[in-house]
C-alpha atoms as a PDB file:
ATOM      1  CA  MET A   1       7.704 -15.588  -7.123  1.00  0.00           C
ATOM      2  CA  LYS A   2       4.258 -15.579  -8.732  1.00  0.00           C
ATOM      3  CA  MET A   3       3.447 -12.688 -11.048  1.00  0.00           C
ATOM      4  CA  ASN A   4      -0.010 -11.097 -11.257  1.00  0.00           C
ATOM      5  CA  PRO A   5      -1.499  -8.711 -13.830  1.00  0.00           C
ATOM      6  CA  LEU A   6      -1.641  -5.096 -12.755  1.00  0.00           C
ATOM      7  CA  GLY A   7      -5.191  -4.378 -13.865  1.00  0.00           C
ATOM      8  CA  ARG A   8      -5.547  -4.156 -17.632  1.00  0.00           C
ATOM      9  CA  THR A   9      -2.201  -2.443 -18.116  1.00  0.00           C
ATOM     10  CA  GLY A  10      -0.297  -5.428 -19.453  1.00  0.00           C
ATOM     11  CA  LEU A  11       2.249  -4.992 -16.659  1.00  0.00           C
ATOM     12  CA  MET A  12       2.969  -8.011 -14.440  1.00  0.00           C
ATOM     13  CA  VAL A  13       3.929  -7.506 -10.753  1.00  0.00           C
ATOM     14  CA  SER A  14       5.180  -9.846  -8.108  1.00  0.00           C
ATOM     15  CA  GLU A  15       2.791 -11.178  -5.464  1.00  0.00           C
ATOM     16  CA  LEU A  16       4.876  -9.358  -2.845  1.00  0.00           C
ATOM     17  CA  CYS A  17       5.767  -5.681  -3.153  1.00  0.00           C
ATOM     18  CA  LEU A  18       8.608  -4.086  -1.246  1.00  0.00           C
ATOM     19  CA  GLY A  19       7.449  -1.030   0.681  1.00  0.00           C
ATOM     20  CA  SER A  20       9.819   1.880   1.414  1.00  0.00           C
ATOM     21  CA  MET A  21       8.099   4.027   3.984  1.00  0.00           C
ATOM     22  CA  THR A  22      10.808   3.571   6.644  1.00  0.00           C
ATOM     23  CA  TRP A  23      13.733   4.369   4.389  1.00  0.00           C
ATOM     24  CA  GLY A  24      15.186   7.625   5.570  1.00  0.00           C
ATOM     25  CA  SER A  25      13.894   7.413   9.128  1.00  0.00           C
ATOM     26  CA  GLN A  26      14.130   3.903  10.609  1.00  0.00           C
ATOM     27  CA  ASN A  27      16.483   2.743   7.768  1.00  0.00           C
ATOM     28  CA  THR A  28      19.576   4.281   6.314  1.00  0.00           C
ATOM     29  CA  PRO A  29      20.009   4.721   2.529  1.00  0.00           C
ATOM     30  CA  GLU A  30      22.473   1.810   2.564  1.00  0.00           C
ATOM     31  CA  GLU A  31      19.922  -0.405   4.254  1.00  0.00           C
ATOM     32  CA  GLY A  32      17.274   0.611   1.710  1.00  0.00           C
ATOM     33  CA  HIS A  33      19.634  -0.223  -1.144  1.00  0.00           C
ATOM     34  CA  ALA A  34      20.439  -3.629   0.398  1.00  0.00           C
ATOM     35  CA  GLN A  35      16.745  -4.378   0.739  1.00  0.00           C
ATOM     36  CA  ILE A  36      16.169  -3.566  -2.921  1.00  0.00           C
ATOM     37  CA  ASP A  37      19.012  -5.808  -3.980  1.00  0.00           C
ATOM     38  CA  ARG A  38      17.841  -8.712  -1.840  1.00  0.00           C
ATOM     39  CA  ALA A  39      14.183  -8.359  -2.886  1.00  0.00           C
ATOM     40  CA  LEU A  40      14.994  -8.258  -6.590  1.00  0.00           C
ATOM     41  CA  ASP A  41      17.312 -11.223  -6.282  1.00  0.00           C
ATOM     42  CA  ALA A  42      14.402 -13.100  -4.609  1.00  0.00           C
ATOM     43  CA  GLY A  43      12.078 -12.444  -7.544  1.00  0.00           C
ATOM     44  CA  ILE A  44      10.259  -9.319  -6.400  1.00  0.00           C
ATOM     45  CA  ASN A  45       9.919  -6.753  -9.190  1.00  0.00           C
ATOM     46  CA  PHE A  46       7.575  -4.290  -7.511  1.00  0.00           C
ATOM     47  CA  VAL A  47       8.631  -1.402  -5.185  1.00  0.00           C
ATOM     48  CA  ASP A  48       6.181   1.147  -3.661  1.00  0.00           C
ATOM     49  CA  THR A  49       7.005   4.583  -2.395  1.00  0.00           C
ATOM     50  CA  ALA A  50       5.403   8.029  -1.982  1.00  0.00           C
ATOM     51  CA  GLU A  51       6.375  11.701  -1.842  1.00  0.00           C
ATOM     52  CA  MET A  52       5.358  11.851   1.858  1.00  0.00           C
ATOM     53  CA  TYR A  53       7.728   9.016   2.924  1.00  0.00           C
ATOM     54  CA  PRO A  54       9.438   8.259   5.230  1.00  0.00           C
ATOM     55  CA  VAL A  55       6.994   8.069   8.138  1.00  0.00           C
ATOM     56  CA  ASN A  56       7.304   7.159  11.803  1.00  0.00           C
ATOM     57  CA  PRO A  57       7.192  10.059  12.249  1.00  0.00           C
ATOM     58  CA  ILE A  58       6.333  12.312   9.314  1.00  0.00           C
ATOM     59  CA  ARG A  59       8.583  15.373   9.322  1.00  0.00           C
ATOM     60  CA  ALA A  60       8.823  18.248   6.900  1.00  0.00           C
ATOM     61  CA  GLU A  61      12.574  17.783   6.530  1.00  0.00           C
ATOM     62  CA  THR A  62      12.311  14.146   5.448  1.00  0.00           C
ATOM     63  CA  VAL A  63       9.411  14.368   2.968  1.00  0.00           C
ATOM     64  CA  GLY A  64      10.511  12.731  -0.289  1.00  0.00           C
ATOM     65  CA  ARG A  65      13.618  11.099   1.269  1.00  0.00           C
ATOM     66  CA  SER A  66      12.407   7.515   0.506  1.00  0.00           C
ATOM     67  CA  GLU A  67      12.069   8.452  -3.182  1.00  0.00           C
ATOM     68  CA  GLU A  68      15.541   9.947  -3.092  1.00  0.00           C
ATOM     69  CA  ILE A  69      16.986   6.757  -1.672  1.00  0.00           C
ATOM     70  CA  ILE A  70      15.478   4.763  -4.523  1.00  0.00           C
ATOM     71  CA  GLY A  71      16.803   7.405  -6.974  1.00  0.00           C
ATOM     72  CA  ASP A  72      20.270   6.998  -5.537  1.00  0.00           C
ATOM     73  CA  TRP A  73      20.012   3.254  -6.076  1.00  0.00           C
ATOM     74  CA  PHE A  74      19.308   3.884  -9.767  1.00  0.00           C
ATOM     75  CA  ALA A  75      22.195   6.434  -9.896  1.00  0.00           C
ATOM     76  CA  LYS A  76      24.581   3.833  -8.531  1.00  0.00           C
ATOM     77  CA  GLY A  77      23.747   1.491 -11.398  1.00  0.00           C
ATOM     78  CA  GLY A  78      20.567  -0.176 -10.266  1.00  0.00           C
ATOM     79  CA  ALA A  79      18.787  -1.560 -13.289  1.00  0.00           C
ATOM     80  CA  ARG A  80      15.554   0.432 -13.853  1.00  0.00           C
ATOM     81  CA  ASP A  81      14.128  -2.241 -16.094  1.00  0.00           C
ATOM     82  CA  ARG A  82      14.142  -4.757 -13.261  1.00  0.00           C
ATOM     83  CA  MET A  83      11.623  -2.768 -11.246  1.00  0.00           C
ATOM     84  CA  ILE A  84       7.974  -1.885 -11.513  1.00  0.00           C
ATOM     85  CA  LEU A  85       7.996   1.374  -9.553  1.00  0.00           C
ATOM     86  CA  ALA A  86       4.949   2.827  -7.833  1.00  0.00           C
ATOM     87  CA  SER A  87       4.708   6.292  -6.197  1.00  0.00           C
ATOM     88  CA  LYS A  88       2.041   8.632  -4.982  1.00  0.00           C
ATOM     89  CA  HIS A  89       0.736  12.219  -4.982  1.00  0.00           C
ATOM     90  CA  SER A  90      -0.289  13.273  -1.431  1.00  0.00           C
ATOM     91  CA  GLY A  91      -3.865  14.424  -1.011  1.00  0.00           C
ATOM     92  CA  ALA A  92      -5.657  17.437   0.417  1.00  0.00           C
ATOM     93  CA  GLY A  93      -4.474  18.636   3.816  1.00  0.00           C
ATOM     94  CA  PHE A  94      -0.886  17.330   3.683  1.00  0.00           C
ATOM     95  CA  ALA A  95       0.742  20.445   4.953  1.00  0.00           C
ATOM     96  CA  HIS A  96       4.319  19.421   4.041  1.00  0.00           C
ATOM     97  CA  ALA A  97       3.569  19.540   0.296  1.00  0.00           C
ATOM     98  CA  ARG A  98       1.974  22.451  -1.642  1.00  0.00           C
ATOM     99  CA  ASP A  99       0.663  23.878   1.602  1.00  0.00           C
ATOM    100  CA  GLY A 100      -2.043  21.180   1.747  1.00  0.00           C
ATOM    101  CA  ALA A 101      -3.550  21.914  -1.643  1.00  0.00           C
ATOM    102  CA  PRO A 102      -5.981  19.236  -2.994  1.00  0.00           C
ATOM    103  CA  ILE A 103      -5.056  17.094  -5.979  1.00  0.00           C
ATOM    104  CA  SER A 104      -5.862  18.857  -9.232  1.00  0.00           C
ATOM    105  CA  SER A 105      -4.529  19.541 -12.759  1.00  0.00           C
ATOM    106  CA  ALA A 106      -2.724  22.489 -11.137  1.00  0.00           C
ATOM    107  CA  THR A 107      -0.706  20.147  -8.849  1.00  0.00           C
ATOM    108  CA  ILE A 108      -0.360  16.890 -10.701  1.00  0.00           C
ATOM    109  CA  ALA A 109       2.284  17.835 -13.288  1.00  0.00           C
ATOM    110  CA  GLN A 110       4.501  19.638 -10.841  1.00  0.00           C
ATOM    111  CA  THR A 111       4.199  16.899  -8.301  1.00  0.00           C
ATOM    112  CA  VAL A 112       5.159  14.226 -10.835  1.00  0.00           C
ATOM    113  CA  GLU A 113       8.184  16.319 -11.815  1.00  0.00           C
ATOM    114  CA  GLY A 114       9.226  16.282  -8.169  1.00  0.00           C
ATOM    115  CA  ASN A 115       8.718  12.586  -7.878  1.00  0.00           C
ATOM    116  CA  LEU A 116      10.790  11.971 -11.017  1.00  0.00           C
ATOM    117  CA  ARG A 117      13.557  14.275  -9.896  1.00  0.00           C
ATOM    118  CA  ARG A 118      13.894  12.520  -6.556  1.00  0.00           C
ATOM    119  CA  LEU A 119      13.609   9.067  -8.087  1.00  0.00           C
ATOM    120  CA  LYS A 120      16.192   9.923 -10.818  1.00  0.00           C
ATOM    121  CA  THR A 121      14.079   8.216 -13.503  1.00  0.00           C
ATOM    122  CA  ASP A 122      12.200   9.268 -16.585  1.00  0.00           C
ATOM    123  CA  TYR A 123       9.014   7.434 -15.767  1.00  0.00           C
ATOM    124  CA  ILE A 124       6.875   5.996 -12.962  1.00  0.00           C
ATOM    125  CA  ASP A 125       5.123   2.734 -13.739  1.00  0.00           C
ATOM    126  CA  LEU A 126       2.186   3.198 -11.354  1.00  0.00           C
ATOM    127  CA  TYR A 127       1.153   6.637 -10.190  1.00  0.00           C
ATOM    128  CA  GLN A 128      -1.348   6.702  -7.332  1.00  0.00           C
ATOM    129  CA  PHE A 129      -3.398   9.347  -5.544  1.00  0.00           C
ATOM    130  CA  HIS A 130      -2.583   8.759  -1.863  1.00  0.00           C
ATOM    131  CA  TRP A 131      -6.074   9.581  -0.648  1.00  0.00           C
ATOM    132  CA  PRO A 132      -9.175  11.264  -2.162  1.00  0.00           C
ATOM    133  CA  ASN A 133      -9.801  15.006  -1.977  1.00  0.00           C
ATOM    134  CA  ARG A 134     -13.240  14.401  -0.502  1.00  0.00           C
ATOM    135  CA  GLY A 135     -11.821  12.466   2.496  1.00  0.00           C
ATOM    136  CA  SER A 136     -11.674   8.796   3.327  1.00  0.00           C
ATOM    137  CA  TYR A 137     -12.963   6.332   5.903  1.00  0.00           C
ATOM    138  CA  MET A 138      -9.539   4.641   6.040  1.00  0.00           C
ATOM    139  CA  PHE A 139      -7.165   4.821   9.006  1.00  0.00           C
ATOM    140  CA  ARG A 140      -9.860   4.117  11.552  1.00  0.00           C
ATOM    141  CA  GLN A 141     -12.034   6.989  10.290  1.00  0.00           C
ATOM    142  CA  ASN A 142     -14.700   4.436   9.336  1.00  0.00           C
ATOM    143  CA  TRP A 143     -16.193   4.658  12.874  1.00  0.00           C
ATOM    144  CA  THR A 144     -17.396   8.239  12.263  1.00  0.00           C
ATOM    145  CA  PHE A 145     -17.289   8.559   8.473  1.00  0.00           C
ATOM    146  CA  ASP A 146     -20.088  10.787   7.082  1.00  0.00           C
ATOM    147  CA  PRO A 147     -20.258  11.403   3.370  1.00  0.00           C
ATOM    148  CA  SER A 148     -23.354  13.678   3.618  1.00  0.00           C
ATOM    149  CA  THR A 149     -21.306  16.878   3.257  1.00  0.00           C
ATOM    150  CA  GLN A 150     -19.664  15.803  -0.019  1.00  0.00           C
ATOM    151  CA  ASP A 151     -20.338  17.830  -3.140  1.00  0.00           C
ATOM    152  CA  LYS A 152     -20.925  15.199  -5.842  1.00  0.00           C
ATOM    153  CA  ALA A 153     -20.776  17.696  -8.751  1.00  0.00           C
ATOM    154  CA  ALA A 154     -17.443  18.996  -7.496  1.00  0.00           C
ATOM    155  CA  THR A 155     -16.129  15.434  -7.139  1.00  0.00           C
ATOM    156  CA  MET A 156     -17.099  14.614 -10.685  1.00  0.00           C
ATOM    157  CA  ALA A 157     -15.492  17.744 -12.013  1.00  0.00           C
ATOM    158  CA  HIS A 158     -12.322  16.999 -10.075  1.00  0.00           C
ATOM    159  CA  MET A 159     -12.097  13.482 -11.509  1.00  0.00           C
ATOM    160  CA  GLU A 160     -12.434  14.773 -15.090  1.00  0.00           C
ATOM    161  CA  ASP A 161      -9.855  17.447 -14.433  1.00  0.00           C
ATOM    162  CA  ALA A 162      -7.370  15.017 -12.785  1.00  0.00           C
ATOM    163  CA  LEU A 163      -7.755  12.387 -15.438  1.00  0.00           C
ATOM    164  CA  GLY A 164      -7.066  14.923 -18.168  1.00  0.00           C
ATOM    165  CA  ALA A 165      -3.818  15.881 -16.482  1.00  0.00           C
ATOM    166  CA  LEU A 166      -2.843  12.278 -15.988  1.00  0.00           C
ATOM    167  CA  GLN A 167      -3.511  11.528 -19.654  1.00  0.00           C
ATOM    168  CA  LYS A 168      -1.050  14.165 -20.696  1.00  0.00           C
ATOM    169  CA  LEU A 169       1.609  12.567 -18.495  1.00  0.00           C
ATOM    170  CA  VAL A 170       0.822   9.147 -19.972  1.00  0.00           C
ATOM    171  CA  ASP A 171       1.157  10.649 -23.482  1.00  0.00           C
ATOM    172  CA  GLU A 172       4.501  12.194 -22.477  1.00  0.00           C
ATOM    173  CA  GLY A 173       5.743   8.844 -21.177  1.00  0.00           C
ATOM    174  CA  LYS A 174       6.196  10.087 -17.622  1.00  0.00           C
ATOM    175  CA  ILE A 175       3.684   7.639 -16.080  1.00  0.00           C
ATOM    176  CA  ARG A 176       2.528   4.289 -17.403  1.00  0.00           C
ATOM    177  CA  ALA A 177      -0.575   3.541 -15.265  1.00  0.00           C
ATOM    178  CA  PHE A 178      -2.841   5.176 -12.737  1.00  0.00           C
ATOM    179  CA  GLY A 179      -3.893   3.815  -9.340  1.00  0.00           C
ATOM    180  CA  LEU A 180      -5.890   4.844  -6.299  1.00  0.00           C
ATOM    181  CA  SER A 181      -5.169   4.561  -2.561  1.00  0.00           C
ATOM    182  CA  ASN A 182      -7.405   4.764   0.502  1.00  0.00           C
ATOM    183  CA  GLU A 183     -10.414   4.833  -1.801  1.00  0.00           C
ATOM    184  CA  SER A 184     -13.979   3.486  -1.471  1.00  0.00           C
ATOM    185  CA  ALA A 185     -16.084   1.317  -3.807  1.00  0.00           C
ATOM    186  CA  TRP A 186     -18.180   4.325  -4.880  1.00  0.00           C
ATOM    187  CA  GLY A 187     -15.163   6.451  -5.546  1.00  0.00           C
ATOM    188  CA  THR A 188     -13.370   3.753  -7.539  1.00  0.00           C
ATOM    189  CA  ALA A 189     -16.508   3.150  -9.585  1.00  0.00           C
ATOM    190  CA  GLN A 190     -16.692   6.827 -10.474  1.00  0.00           C
ATOM    191  CA  TRP A 191     -13.043   6.986 -11.547  1.00  0.00           C
ATOM    192  CA  LEU A 192     -13.763   3.974 -13.744  1.00  0.00           C
ATOM    193  CA  ARG A 193     -16.869   5.589 -15.242  1.00  0.00           C
ATOM    194  CA  LYS A 194     -15.067   8.771 -16.047  1.00  0.00           C
ATOM    195  CA  SER A 195     -12.296   6.824 -17.764  1.00  0.00           C
ATOM    196  CA  GLU A 196     -14.883   4.914 -19.786  1.00  0.00           C
ATOM    197  CA  GLU A 197     -16.325   8.293 -20.825  1.00  0.00           C
ATOM    198  CA  GLY A 198     -12.952   9.129 -22.323  1.00  0.00           C
ATOM    199  CA  HIS A 199     -11.501  11.512 -19.700  1.00  0.00           C
ATOM    200  CA  GLY A 200      -8.209   9.655 -19.067  1.00  0.00           C
ATOM    201  CA  PRO A 201      -6.446   6.514 -17.946  1.00  0.00           C
ATOM    202  CA  ARG A 202      -8.322   3.607 -16.427  1.00  0.00           C
ATOM    203  CA  VAL A 203      -7.729   2.769 -12.751  1.00  0.00           C
ATOM    204  CA  ALA A 204      -5.328  -0.196 -12.611  1.00  0.00           C
ATOM    205  CA  SER A 205      -5.213  -0.896  -8.920  1.00  0.00           C
ATOM    206  CA  ILE A 206      -6.240   0.304  -5.470  1.00  0.00           C
ATOM    207  CA  GLN A 207      -3.888   0.413  -2.504  1.00  0.00           C
ATOM    208  CA  ASN A 208      -5.890   0.008   0.724  1.00  0.00           C
ATOM    209  CA  GLU A 209      -5.152  -1.478   4.131  1.00  0.00           C
ATOM    210  CA  TYR A 210      -5.894  -5.193   4.260  1.00  0.00           C
ATOM    211  CA  SER A 211      -4.854  -7.964   6.659  1.00  0.00           C
ATOM    212  CA  LEU A 212      -6.267 -10.684   8.841  1.00  0.00           C
ATOM    213  CA  LEU A 213      -7.216  -7.932  11.286  1.00  0.00           C
ATOM    214  CA  CYS A 214      -8.487  -5.374   8.762  1.00  0.00           C
ATOM    215  CA  ARG A 215     -10.961  -6.841   6.219  1.00  0.00           C
ATOM    216  CA  ILE A 216     -13.166  -3.925   5.253  1.00  0.00           C
ATOM    217  CA  TYR A 217     -12.233  -4.652   1.636  1.00  0.00           C
ATOM    218  CA  ASP A 218     -14.039  -8.017   1.730  1.00  0.00           C
ATOM    219  CA  THR A 219     -17.468  -6.412   1.618  1.00  0.00           C
ATOM    220  CA  ASP A 220     -16.686  -2.953   0.314  1.00  0.00           C
ATOM    221  CA  LEU A 221     -14.493  -3.424  -2.727  1.00  0.00           C
ATOM    222  CA  ALA A 222     -14.090  -7.175  -3.347  1.00  0.00           C
ATOM    223  CA  GLU A 223     -16.890  -7.433  -5.966  1.00  0.00           C
ATOM    224  CA  LEU A 224     -15.821  -4.318  -7.854  1.00  0.00           C
ATOM    225  CA  SER A 225     -12.154  -5.447  -7.697  1.00  0.00           C
ATOM    226  CA  VAL A 226     -12.829  -8.833  -9.282  1.00  0.00           C
ATOM    227  CA  ASN A 227     -15.371  -7.720 -11.891  1.00  0.00           C
ATOM    228  CA  GLU A 228     -13.481  -4.642 -13.023  1.00  0.00           C
ATOM    229  CA  ASP A 229      -9.898  -5.982 -12.918  1.00  0.00           C
ATOM    230  CA  VAL A 230      -8.795  -3.472 -10.308  1.00  0.00           C
ATOM    231  CA  GLY A 231      -6.557  -5.506  -8.060  1.00  0.00           C
ATOM    232  CA  LEU A 232      -5.804  -4.799  -4.428  1.00  0.00           C
ATOM    233  CA  LEU A 233      -2.339  -3.665  -3.363  1.00  0.00           C
ATOM    234  CA  ALA A 234      -2.664  -4.491   0.258  1.00  0.00           C
ATOM    235  CA  PHE A 235      -0.698  -2.301   2.628  1.00  0.00           C
ATOM    236  CA  SER A 236      -0.033  -3.278   6.251  1.00  0.00           C
ATOM    237  CA  PRO A 237      -0.708  -7.007   5.561  1.00  0.00           C
ATOM    238  CA  LEU A 238       1.007  -7.715   8.895  1.00  0.00           C
ATOM    239  CA  ALA A 239      -1.088  -5.032  10.670  1.00  0.00           C
ATOM    240  CA  ALA A 240       1.902  -2.870  11.469  1.00  0.00           C
ATOM    241  CA  GLY A 241       3.721  -5.813  12.929  1.00  0.00           C
ATOM    242  CA  LEU A 242       0.892  -6.970  15.249  1.00  0.00           C
ATOM    243  CA  LEU A 243       0.469 -10.273  13.392  1.00  0.00           C
ATOM    244  CA  SER A 244       4.108 -11.184  13.964  1.00  0.00           C
ATOM    245  CA  GLY A 245       3.245 -11.525  17.625  1.00  0.00           C
ATOM    246  CA  LYS A 246       6.075  -9.256  18.756  1.00  0.00           C
ATOM    247  CA  TYR A 247       3.743  -6.952  20.721  1.00  0.00           C
ATOM    248  CA  GLN A 248       1.934  -9.683  22.638  1.00  0.00           C
ATOM    249  CA  GLY A 249       2.075  -9.684  26.437  1.00  0.00           C
ATOM    250  CA  GLY A 250       2.743  -5.947  26.580  1.00  0.00           C
ATOM    251  CA  ALA A 251       6.077  -6.169  24.732  1.00  0.00           C
ATOM    252  CA  VAL A 252       7.278  -3.068  22.943  1.00  0.00           C
ATOM    253  CA  PRO A 253      10.628  -3.884  21.273  1.00  0.00           C
ATOM    254  CA  SER A 254      13.063  -0.941  21.162  1.00  0.00           C
ATOM    255  CA  GLY A 255      12.999   0.881  17.844  1.00  0.00           C
ATOM    256  CA  SER A 256       9.800  -0.894  16.712  1.00  0.00           C
ATOM    257  CA  ARG A 257       6.880   0.938  15.229  1.00  0.00           C
ATOM    258  CA  MET A 258       4.927   0.840  18.491  1.00  0.00           C
ATOM    259  CA  ASP A 259       7.968   2.302  20.233  1.00  0.00           C
ATOM    260  CA  LEU A 260       7.954   5.191  17.804  1.00  0.00           C
ATOM    261  CA  ASN A 261       4.201   5.531  17.286  1.00  0.00           C
ATOM    262  CA  GLY A 262       2.455   4.346  20.424  1.00  0.00           C
ATOM    263  CA  ASP A 263      -0.957   3.264  19.254  1.00  0.00           C
ATOM    264  CA  LEU A 264       0.107   2.083  15.761  1.00  0.00           C
ATOM    265  CA  GLY A 265      -2.195   4.608  14.124  1.00  0.00           C
ATOM    266  CA  GLY A 266      -5.209   3.475  16.120  1.00  0.00           C
ATOM    267  CA  ARG A 267      -4.555  -0.232  15.681  1.00  0.00           C
ATOM    268  CA  LYS A 268      -3.661  -0.794  19.337  1.00  0.00           C
ATOM    269  CA  THR A 269      -6.882  -1.571  21.172  1.00  0.00           C
ATOM    270  CA  ASP A 270      -7.992  -3.801  24.043  1.00  0.00           C
ATOM    271  CA  ARG A 271      -9.616  -6.161  21.462  1.00  0.00           C
ATOM    272  CA  VAL A 272      -6.692  -6.446  19.061  1.00  0.00           C
ATOM    273  CA  PHE A 273      -4.431  -8.584  21.235  1.00  0.00           C
ATOM    274  CA  PRO A 274      -6.921 -11.424  21.732  1.00  0.00           C
ATOM    275  CA  ALA A 275      -7.573 -11.345  17.996  1.00  0.00           C
ATOM    276  CA  VAL A 276      -3.832 -11.563  17.266  1.00  0.00           C
ATOM    277  CA  GLN A 277      -3.539 -14.444  19.722  1.00  0.00           C
ATOM    278  CA  ALA A 278      -6.220 -16.348  17.878  1.00  0.00           C
ATOM    279  CA  TYR A 279      -4.180 -16.180  14.688  1.00  0.00           C
ATOM    280  CA  LEU A 280      -0.932 -16.987  16.497  1.00  0.00           C
ATOM    281  CA  ASP A 281      -2.593 -20.049  17.945  1.00  0.00           C
ATOM    282  CA  ILE A 282      -3.671 -21.185  14.468  1.00  0.00           C
ATOM    283  CA  ALA A 283      -0.138 -20.780  13.165  1.00  0.00           C
ATOM    284  CA  ASP A 284       1.305 -22.649  16.138  1.00  0.00           C
ATOM    285  CA  ALA A 285      -1.203 -25.519  15.828  1.00  0.00           C
ATOM    286  CA  HIS A 286      -0.175 -26.059  12.199  1.00  0.00           C
ATOM    287  CA  GLY A 287       3.498 -25.447  12.468  1.00  0.00           C
ATOM    288  CA  LEU A 288       3.445 -22.209  10.558  1.00  0.00           C
ATOM    289  CA  ASP A 289       5.376 -18.959  11.026  1.00  0.00           C
ATOM    290  CA  PRO A 290       2.640 -16.361  11.745  1.00  0.00           C
ATOM    291  CA  VAL A 291       4.193 -13.923   9.298  1.00  0.00           C
ATOM    292  CA  HIS A 292       4.219 -16.573   6.604  1.00  0.00           C
ATOM    293  CA  MET A 293       0.617 -17.403   7.350  1.00  0.00           C
ATOM    294  CA  ALA A 294      -0.547 -13.782   7.220  1.00  0.00           C
ATOM    295  CA  LEU A 295       1.136 -13.139   3.876  1.00  0.00           C
ATOM    296  CA  ALA A 296       0.255 -16.504   2.324  1.00  0.00           C
ATOM    297  CA  TRP A 297      -3.379 -15.891   3.335  1.00  0.00           C
ATOM    298  CA  CYS A 298      -3.355 -12.617   1.376  1.00  0.00           C
ATOM    299  CA  ARG A 299      -2.400 -14.636  -1.666  1.00  0.00           C
ATOM    300  CA  THR A 300      -5.604 -16.704  -1.356  1.00  0.00           C
ATOM    301  CA  ARG A 301      -7.894 -13.687  -1.758  1.00  0.00           C
ATOM    302  CA  PRO A 302      -9.551 -13.488  -5.193  1.00  0.00           C
ATOM    303  CA  PHE A 303      -8.911  -9.757  -5.610  1.00  0.00           C
ATOM    304  CA  MET A 304      -5.308  -9.652  -4.467  1.00  0.00           C
ATOM    305  CA  CYS A 305      -2.739  -8.207  -6.848  1.00  0.00           C
ATOM    306  CA  SER A 306       0.177  -7.768  -4.508  1.00  0.00           C
ATOM    307  CA  ALA A 307       0.823  -7.467  -0.716  1.00  0.00           C
ATOM    308  CA  ILE A 308       3.060  -4.570   0.247  1.00  0.00           C
ATOM    309  CA  PHE A 309       5.325  -5.288   3.219  1.00  0.00           C
ATOM    310  CA  GLY A 310       8.079  -3.206   4.860  1.00  0.00           C
ATOM    311  CA  ALA A 311      11.074  -4.260   6.843  1.00  0.00           C
ATOM    312  CA  THR A 312      13.428  -2.451   9.102  1.00  0.00           C
ATOM    313  CA  THR A 313      15.950  -5.317   9.249  1.00  0.00           C
ATOM    314  CA  MET A 314      17.253  -7.815   6.702  1.00  0.00           C
ATOM    315  CA  ALA A 315      16.041 -10.595   8.936  1.00  0.00           C
ATOM    316  CA  GLN A 316      12.482  -9.233   8.707  1.00  0.00           C
ATOM    317  CA  LEU A 317      12.819  -8.986   4.909  1.00  0.00           C
ATOM    318  CA  ASP A 318      13.996 -12.592   4.603  1.00  0.00           C
ATOM    319  CA  ARG A 319      11.250 -13.780   6.868  1.00  0.00           C
ATOM    320  CA  ALA A 320       8.601 -12.121   4.692  1.00  0.00           C
ATOM    321  CA  LEU A 321      10.147 -13.536   1.514  1.00  0.00           C
ATOM    322  CA  GLY A 322       9.779 -17.034   2.985  1.00  0.00           C
ATOM    323  CA  SER A 323       6.021 -16.720   2.743  1.00  0.00           C
ATOM    324  CA  VAL A 324       5.991 -17.427  -0.990  1.00  0.00           C
ATOM    325  CA  ASP A 325       6.922 -21.065  -0.310  1.00  0.00           C
ATOM    326  CA  VAL A 326       3.905 -21.553   2.031  1.00  0.00           C
ATOM    327  CA  THR A 327       0.511 -22.855   0.838  1.00  0.00           C
ATOM    328  CA  LEU A 328      -2.266 -22.837   3.435  1.00  0.00           C
ATOM    329  CA  SER A 329      -4.360 -25.938   3.856  1.00  0.00           C
ATOM    330  CA  ASN A 330      -8.170 -25.935   3.862  1.00  0.00           C
ATOM    331  CA  GLU A 331      -8.015 -26.714   7.511  1.00  0.00           C
ATOM    332  CA  VAL A 332      -5.931 -23.609   8.213  1.00  0.00           C
ATOM    333  CA  LEU A 333      -8.238 -21.472   6.036  1.00  0.00           C
ATOM    334  CA  GLU A 334     -11.304 -22.751   7.922  1.00  0.00           C
ATOM    335  CA  ALA A 335      -9.654 -21.890  11.220  1.00  0.00           C
ATOM    336  CA  ILE A 336      -8.812 -18.403  10.004  1.00  0.00           C
ATOM    337  CA  THR A 337     -12.476 -17.890   8.977  1.00  0.00           C
ATOM    338  CA  ALA A 338     -13.610 -19.006  12.403  1.00  0.00           C
ATOM    339  CA  ALA A 339     -11.165 -16.642  14.122  1.00  0.00           C
ATOM    340  CA  HIS A 340     -12.357 -13.745  11.954  1.00  0.00           C
ATOM    341  CA  ARG A 341     -15.974 -14.386  12.918  1.00  0.00           C
ATOM    342  CA  ALA A 342     -14.977 -14.475  16.583  1.00  0.00           C
ATOM    343  CA  HIS A 343     -12.879 -11.309  16.342  1.00  0.00           C
ATOM    344  CA  PRO A 344     -14.350  -9.017  13.646  1.00  0.00           C
ATOM    345  CA  MET A 345     -13.073  -5.475  13.306  1.00  0.00           C
ATOM    346  CA  PRO A 346     -10.668  -5.538  16.278  1.00  0.00           C
ATOM    347  CA  TYR A 347      -9.576  -1.933  15.546  1.00  0.00           C
END
């Protein structure tokens, strides 16, 4: 398993990251623990979670359960030093935590204490803000995103305030690094600038959606990512399962994400299935598993730090792990580029 630097932190993380967002809803604690064991044995050292997990669906009574499952793994004797652990602070409007309060110095310390308590650990390696207070164009909001109502002065004050609170937690040893999620190029640049001005820890990474079907990052954040050493942690690299091909031809497997969440968070459109088919045809023509191709392609991107994948079965986990042995030829990469040009922005 290839290891990549996590920004300028000195930490090294595996090219694949095990996501936990289904643990506690679609997966039992025992299944979550088995996934951790299998992933670590395969060379993964990076696990991502969040206070709002599990999802599909999000329920007040299960908020934090995925963190608790990881914490129980530690309590059972799981070696903490084998894992680079990432978690998140939910943003403004999340009604199931702090009554939807925005991220601020008034929420950060107490939220981290909750994360640590559920995780049964003394520290979190990478602490991320799940989405910005000012809003985000992620999750299909890019079609109507309008930043004209933002208050720049308030945003700058918030960043200074939040970085100060984070620095205290770094000094106390409760977090090791700071990351963003669902952020923009402008927002990330401002966090970096405020850190350079001495307000707190430098952004190490950004966790945004990225896959063969969702390539906003290519033109929005790629240049910043490479030049500022802020690597991408790509979530949904299989486009919520679409790129596996399991939903083609109108199929909706029982218990699948589409079965539980009909439109896959806005990813299910008339244009997405022809786009998926184009990539399935490339994989078939070159004798590749489409899951392996999708994950191996992520590895070719110059800004990629790690691709976060989730699994609801051990077979899915093993299938994803097999991608690390796949190297895509120039012919495959050229075919992928042609398919992207033919099917841009399918959702």
